[in-house]
């Protein structure tokens, strides 16, 4: 486990997923309340670099510009429920 604070857990990963939702939001953080920065579309493949579970227990993956450390968490995050694989 790399980062774990304030009820969230993160670990590095290297995994390919397929988008299963028609239009899945890409967020600036691993929360549905985080700013939407882009979208990924059904049947597109994304590569996850970080796998995190937020303080609400929801699983998210970082698919780009990932930074996860004690000072900050940033990147392009997709809710794992919108992905298959």
Protein backbone atom coordinates (compact mmCIF):
# COMPACT_ATOMS: atom_id res chain seq x y z
CA UNK A 1 0.00 0.00 0.00
CA UNK A 2 1.62 3.26 -1.08
CA UNK A 3 -0.68 5.96 0.23
CA UNK A 4 -3.30 5.69 2.93
CA UNK A 5 -4.63 8.70 4.78
CA UNK A 6 -7.97 10.25 5.68
CA UNK A 7 -9.78 7.01 4.92
CA UNK A 8 -8.54 6.40 1.38
CA UNK A 9 -6.19 3.73 0.05
CA UNK A 10 -4.09 3.80 -3.12
CA UNK A 11 -1.68 1.45 -4.81
CA UNK A 12 0.21 1.59 -8.09
CA UNK A 13 -1.13 -0.65 -10.84
CA UNK A 14 -0.67 -1.34 -14.53
CA UNK A 15 -3.95 -2.56 -15.93
CA UNK A 16 -6.00 -2.07 -19.10
CA UNK A 17 -9.74 -1.53 -18.85
CA UNK A 18 -12.56 -1.19 -21.38
CA UNK A 19 -15.04 1.67 -20.90
CA UNK A 20 -18.56 0.21 -20.51
CA UNK A 21 -20.53 3.43 -19.97
CA UNK A 22 -21.58 5.43 -23.06
CA UNK A 23 -19.78 8.56 -21.78
CA UNK A 24 -17.74 8.30 -18.58
CA UNK A 25 -16.47 11.45 -16.90
CA UNK A 26 -12.76 11.87 -16.20
CA UNK A 27 -12.27 13.80 -12.97
CA UNK A 28 -9.39 15.83 -11.51
CA UNK A 29 -9.54 13.69 -8.33
CA UNK A 30 -10.98 10.38 -7.18
CA UNK A 31 -14.40 11.72 -6.23
CA UNK A 32 -17.62 12.29 -8.15
CA UNK A 33 -17.48 15.85 -6.74
CA UNK A 34 -14.08 16.53 -8.34
CA UNK A 35 -13.96 18.77 -11.40
CA UNK A 36 -14.65 16.99 -14.71
CA UNK A 37 -11.66 17.46 -17.05
CA UNK A 38 -12.56 15.12 -19.93
CA UNK A 39 -14.65 12.12 -20.99
CA UNK A 40 -13.89 8.60 -22.18
CA UNK A 41 -16.35 6.71 -24.34
CA UNK A 42 -17.80 3.22 -24.52
CA UNK A 43 -15.54 0.50 -25.97
CA UNK A 44 -12.41 2.68 -25.65
CA UNK A 45 -9.47 1.17 -23.81
CA UNK A 46 -7.83 3.05 -20.92
CA UNK A 47 -4.70 2.16 -18.97
CA UNK A 48 -4.72 2.57 -15.19
CA UNK A 49 -1.57 3.62 -13.33
CA UNK A 50 -3.09 3.97 -9.84
CA UNK A 51 -5.95 2.14 -8.17
CA UNK A 52 -7.56 4.00 -5.26
CA UNK A 53 -10.52 3.58 -2.98
CA UNK A 54 -11.80 6.88 -1.64
CA UNK A 55 -13.10 7.56 1.88
CA UNK A 56 -16.63 6.61 0.73
CA UNK A 57 -15.36 3.18 -0.34
CA UNK A 58 -15.70 3.89 -4.08
CA UNK A 59 -13.03 2.49 -6.44
CA UNK A 60 -11.26 4.87 -8.86
CA UNK A 61 -8.34 4.50 -11.26
CA UNK A 62 -5.92 7.13 -12.53
CA UNK A 63 -5.45 7.01 -16.31
CA UNK A 64 -3.03 9.90 -16.85
CA UNK A 65 -0.96 12.71 -15.31
CA UNK A 66 -1.03 10.73 -12.06
CA UNK A 67 0.51 12.03 -8.88
CA UNK A 68 -0.18 10.26 -5.62
CA UNK A 69 1.95 11.12 -2.61
CA UNK A 70 1.73 12.57 0.88
CA UNK A 71 1.50 16.15 -0.41
CA UNK A 72 -1.06 15.83 -3.18
CA UNK A 73 -3.21 13.60 -5.31
CA UNK A 74 -3.90 14.67 -8.86
CA UNK A 75 -4.36 13.27 -12.30
CA UNK A 76 -7.15 12.05 -14.55
CA UNK A 77 -9.43 9.73 -12.57
CA UNK A 78 -12.24 7.46 -13.77
CA UNK A 79 -14.75 5.68 -11.55
CA UNK A 80 -13.93 1.97 -11.84
CA UNK A 81 -17.63 1.08 -12.00
CA UNK A 82 -17.63 2.59 -15.52
CA UNK A 83 -14.88 0.19 -16.62
CA UNK A 84 -14.56 -3.54 -17.27
CA UNK A 85 -11.46 -5.63 -17.21
